Amino acid sequence: MDYVENEKIKGLKFRDEIISNREYIDCEFYNCNFVDVEINNCIFKECTFYNCTMNNVIFKFSTMKNATLNESEFIGINWNTLKGDSFSAGPINKVRKCFFKYNNFISMRLNIFNFSGSKFQESLFEECDLIDANFKDVRFESTQFIQCNMTRADFREAYGYIIDIQSNKLKKAKFSFPEVTNLLSSIDIVID
């Protein structure tokens, strides 16, 4: 396995490739693009991505732990295939002003997680723990939350979310008016 530690990796461009048997520890990726790439048997620990693009990346037998995502774009990523190496350390540690399209977050622990200022299009959160998660000022388009624990989650100033109030736990979650009225769409009532 190729091993890289404490490196600044700039401008890498991968397209239609298979990346295998690499381990990145405490690395910083700047302006890197991964498009239609398969990542096999790779490890990313404590890595940071700045202004990077991951488009239709398939992770197989790979681990990501405590990644920080800054002003990057992620299209077609199934984050649940990238479990962290322990119950308490997931694949993502921090997100700042990122764009997510066609992303799936399934059965993930994202408690106390800060997504504020990011944008999600046609993505899915299913069976996730989102207790005390911060979605303040997030722009959602056709993004669904299904069977998630969203206790005390903060959705103030967020808009465009699709949350089924019957399948999600929303105790003490925070929402802003008038967007909060969209929560009622799942119970098929009419508001005049």
Protein backbone atom coordinates (compact mmCIF):
# COMPACT_ATOMS: atom_id res chain seq x y z
CA MET A 1 0.00 0.00 0.00
CA ASP A 2 1.33 3.47 -0.92
CA TYR A 3 1.54 5.66 2.19
CA VAL A 4 1.37 9.47 2.21
CA GLU A 5 1.42 11.57 5.41
CA ASN A 6 1.26 15.33 6.11
CA GLU A 7 1.39 16.27 2.42
CA LYS A 8 -0.28 19.13 0.56
CA ILE A 9 -1.67 17.60 -2.62
CA LYS A 10 -2.59 20.19 -5.26
CA GLY A 11 -4.41 20.00 -8.57
CA LEU A 12 -4.68 16.22 -8.95
CA LYS A 13 -7.11 15.22 -11.69
CA PHE A 14 -8.48 11.68 -11.88
CA ARG A 15 -11.03 10.69 -14.52
CA ASP A 16 -12.31 7.19 -15.39
CA GLU A 17 -9.63 5.57 -13.24
CA ILE A 18 -9.30 3.02 -10.47
CA ILE A 19 -7.32 4.21 -7.46
CA SER A 20 -6.18 1.33 -5.26
CA ASN A 21 -4.15 0.57 -2.16
CA ARG A 22 -3.33 4.08 -0.95
CA GLU A 23 -3.27 5.50 2.56
CA TYR A 24 -3.45 9.25 3.20
CA ILE A 25 -2.89 10.49 6.77
CA ASP A 26 -3.29 14.19 7.72
CA CYS A 27 -3.11 15.26 4.06
CA GLU A 28 -4.58 18.40 2.53
CA PHE A 29 -6.10 18.18 -0.95
CA TYR A 30 -6.40 21.47 -2.89
CA ASN A 31 -8.32 21.87 -6.17
CA CYS A 32 -8.36 18.12 -6.83
CA ASN A 33 -10.92 16.43 -9.09
CA PHE A 34 -12.12 12.84 -8.86
CA VAL A 35 -14.59 12.17 -11.71
CA ASP A 36 -16.05 8.72 -12.50
CA VAL A 37 -13.41 7.15 -10.27
CA GLU A 38 -13.45 3.90 -8.30
CA ILE A 39 -11.48 4.03 -5.04
CA ASN A 40 -10.56 0.55 -3.80
CA ASN A 41 -8.92 -0.44 -0.53
CA CYS A 42 -7.86 3.12 0.34
CA ILE A 43 -7.67 4.92 3.68
CA PHE A 44 -8.15 8.66 4.28
CA LYS A 45 -7.53 9.69 7.93
CA GLU A 46 -7.84 13.26 9.19
CA CYS A 47 -7.64 14.62 5.62
CA THR A 48 -8.92 18.02 4.50
CA PHE A 49 -10.38 18.80 1.07
CA TYR A 50 -10.34 22.42 -0.20
CA ASN A 51 -12.21 23.39 -3.38
CA CYS A 52 -12.26 19.77 -4.58
CA THR A 53 -14.78 17.90 -6.73
CA MET A 54 -15.87 14.30 -6.28
CA ASN A 55 -18.31 13.33 -9.02
CA ASN A 56 -19.67 9.78 -9.27
CA VAL A 57 -16.94 8.30 -7.08
CA ILE A 58 -17.48 4.71 -5.95
CA PHE A 59 -15.74 3.67 -2.74
CA LYS A 60 -15.07 -0.06 -2.25
CA PHE A 61 -13.42 -1.50 0.85
CA SER A 62 -12.23 2.01 1.74
CA THR A 63 -12.20 3.96 4.98
CA MET A 64 -12.46 7.67 5.64
CA LYS A 65 -12.10 9.03 9.17
CA ASN A 66 -12.69 12.61 10.32
CA ALA A 67 -12.43 14.31 6.92
CA THR A 68 -12.92 18.08 6.74
CA LEU A 69 -14.72 19.31 3.61
CA ASN A 70 -14.29 22.98 2.64
CA GLU A 71 -16.03 24.72 -0.27
CA SER A 72 -16.07 21.48 -2.26
CA GLU A 73 -18.57 19.75 -4.54
CA PHE A 74 -19.81 16.18 -4.10
CA ILE A 75 -22.07 14.60 -6.71
CA GLY A 76 -23.40 11.04 -6.53
CA ILE A 77 -21.62 9.97 -3.32
CA ASN A 78 -22.91 7.22 -1.02
CA TRP A 79 -21.26 8.30 2.24
CA ASN A 80 -22.47 5.23 4.11
CA THR A 81 -20.07 3.07 2.04
CA LEU A 82 -17.24 5.04 3.66
CA LYS A 83 -17.66 4.19 7.31
CA GLY A 84 -15.16 5.53 9.79
CA ASP A 85 -12.95 3.02 11.53
CA SER A 86 -14.88 3.18 14.81
CA PHE A 87 -18.41 3.82 16.09
CA SER A 88 -17.52 7.34 17.29
CA ALA A 89 -15.42 8.50 14.32
CA GLY A 90 -17.36 8.77 11.10
CA PRO A 91 -16.11 9.56 7.63
CA ILE A 92 -16.80 13.30 7.89
CA ASN A 93 -15.79 15.56 10.76
CA LYS A 94 -16.60 19.05 9.43
CA VAL A 95 -18.33 20.60 6.42
CA ARG A 96 -18.04 24.23 5.37
CA LYS A 97 -19.95 25.74 2.43
CA CYS A 98 -20.09 22.58 0.33
CA PHE A 99 -22.44 21.52 -2.46
CA PHE A 100 -23.98 18.03 -2.34
CA LYS A 101 -26.05 16.63 -5.22
CA TYR A 102 -27.43 13.06 -5.42
CA ASN A 103 -25.70 12.18 -2.12
CA ASN A 104 -26.90 9.47 0.26
CA PHE A 105 -26.36 9.55 4.00
CA ILE A 106 -27.79 6.27 5.28
CA SER A 107 -27.53 4.91 8.84
CA MET A 108 -24.88 7.45 9.83
CA ARG A 109 -24.20 9.14 13.18
CA LEU A 110 -24.05 12.87 12.47
CA ASN A 111 -24.92 14.18 15.93
CA ILE A 112 -23.86 17.75 16.71
CA PHE A 113 -22.78 18.04 13.08
CA ASN A 114 -22.60 21.47 11.44
CA PHE A 115 -23.83 21.62 7.82
CA SER A 116 -24.63 25.36 7.97
CA GLY A 117 -24.14 27.35 4.79
CA SER A 118 -24.05 24.27 2.53
CA LYS A 119 -26.40 23.33 -0.30
CA PHE A 120 -28.08 19.95 -0.94
CA GLN A 121 -29.88 18.92 -4.14
CA GLU A 122 -31.83 15.69 -4.54
CA SER A 123 -30.04 14.02 -1.63
CA LEU A 124 -31.23 11.63 1.05
CA PHE A 125 -30.77 11.31 4.81
CA GLU A 126 -32.21 7.97 5.92
CA GLU A 127 -32.09 6.37 9.38
CA CYS A 128 -29.44 8.87 10.50
CA ASP A 129 -28.79 10.21 13.98
CA LEU A 130 -28.91 13.99 13.56
CA ILE A 131 -29.35 14.96 17.21
CA ASP A 132 -28.31 18.60 17.71
CA ALA A 133 -27.20 18.83 14.05
CA ASN A 134 -26.95 22.34 12.62
CA PHE A 135 -28.64 22.91 9.25
CA LYS A 136 -28.91 26.69 9.72
CA ASP A 137 -28.99 28.62 6.46
CA VAL A 138 -28.81 25.42 4.36
CA ARG A 139 -30.43 25.45 0.93
CA PHE A 140 -32.21 22.19 0.13
CA GLU A 141 -33.75 21.17 -3.20
CA SER A 142 -35.72 17.91 -3.19
CA THR A 143 -33.70 16.55 -0.26
CA GLN A 144 -35.52 14.06 1.95
CA PHE A 145 -35.19 13.04 5.58
CA ILE A 146 -36.65 9.59 6.33
CA GLN A 147 -36.70 7.84 9.72
CA CYS A 148 -34.03 10.11 11.22
CA ASN A 149 -33.61 11.20 14.82
CA MET A 150 -33.52 14.98 14.47
CA THR A 151 -34.02 15.83 18.14
CA ARG A 152 -32.95 19.45 18.77
CA ALA A 153 -31.69 19.81 15.16
CA ASP A 154 -31.55 23.42 13.97
CA PHE A 155 -33.21 24.21 10.63
CA ARG A 156 -33.65 27.96 11.19
CA GLU A 157 -33.19 29.99 8.00
CA ALA A 158 -33.00 26.71 6.01
CA TYR A 159 -35.45 26.08 3.21
CA GLY A 160 -36.53 23.47 0.67
CA TYR A 161 -36.26 20.45 2.95
CA ILE A 162 -38.66 17.49 2.73
CA ILE A 163 -39.23 16.09 6.21
CA ASP A 164 -41.91 13.52 6.95
CA ILE A 165 -43.05 14.47 10.47
CA GLN A 166 -44.54 11.02 10.98
CA SER A 167 -41.36 9.01 10.36
CA ASN A 168 -38.75 11.38 11.87
CA LYS A 169 -38.15 12.27 15.52
CA LEU A 170 -38.34 16.06 15.71
CA LYS A 171 -38.59 16.77 19.44
CA LYS A 172 -37.40 20.32 20.15
CA ALA A 173 -36.08 20.77 16.60
CA LYS A 174 -35.93 24.43 15.53
CA PHE A 175 -37.48 25.80 12.32
CA SER A 176 -38.19 29.25 10.86
CA PHE A 177 -41.53 30.59 9.69
CA PRO A 178 -42.91 30.39 7.00
CA GLU A 179 -40.81 27.39 5.83
CA VAL A 180 -41.93 25.34 8.84
CA THR A 181 -45.41 25.08 7.30
CA ASN A 182 -43.96 22.71 4.67
CA LEU A 183 -43.68 20.09 7.41
CA LEU A 184 -47.44 19.75 7.23
CA SER A 185 -47.38 18.58 3.60
CA SER A 186 -46.65 15.01 4.73
CA ILE A 187 -49.98 14.79 6.56
CA ASP A 188 -52.07 15.88 3.56
CA ILE A 189 -53.88 18.89 5.00
CA VAL A 190 -54.83 22.16 3.34
CA ILE A 191 -53.65 25.49 4.74
CA ASP A 192 -55.46 28.66 3.61
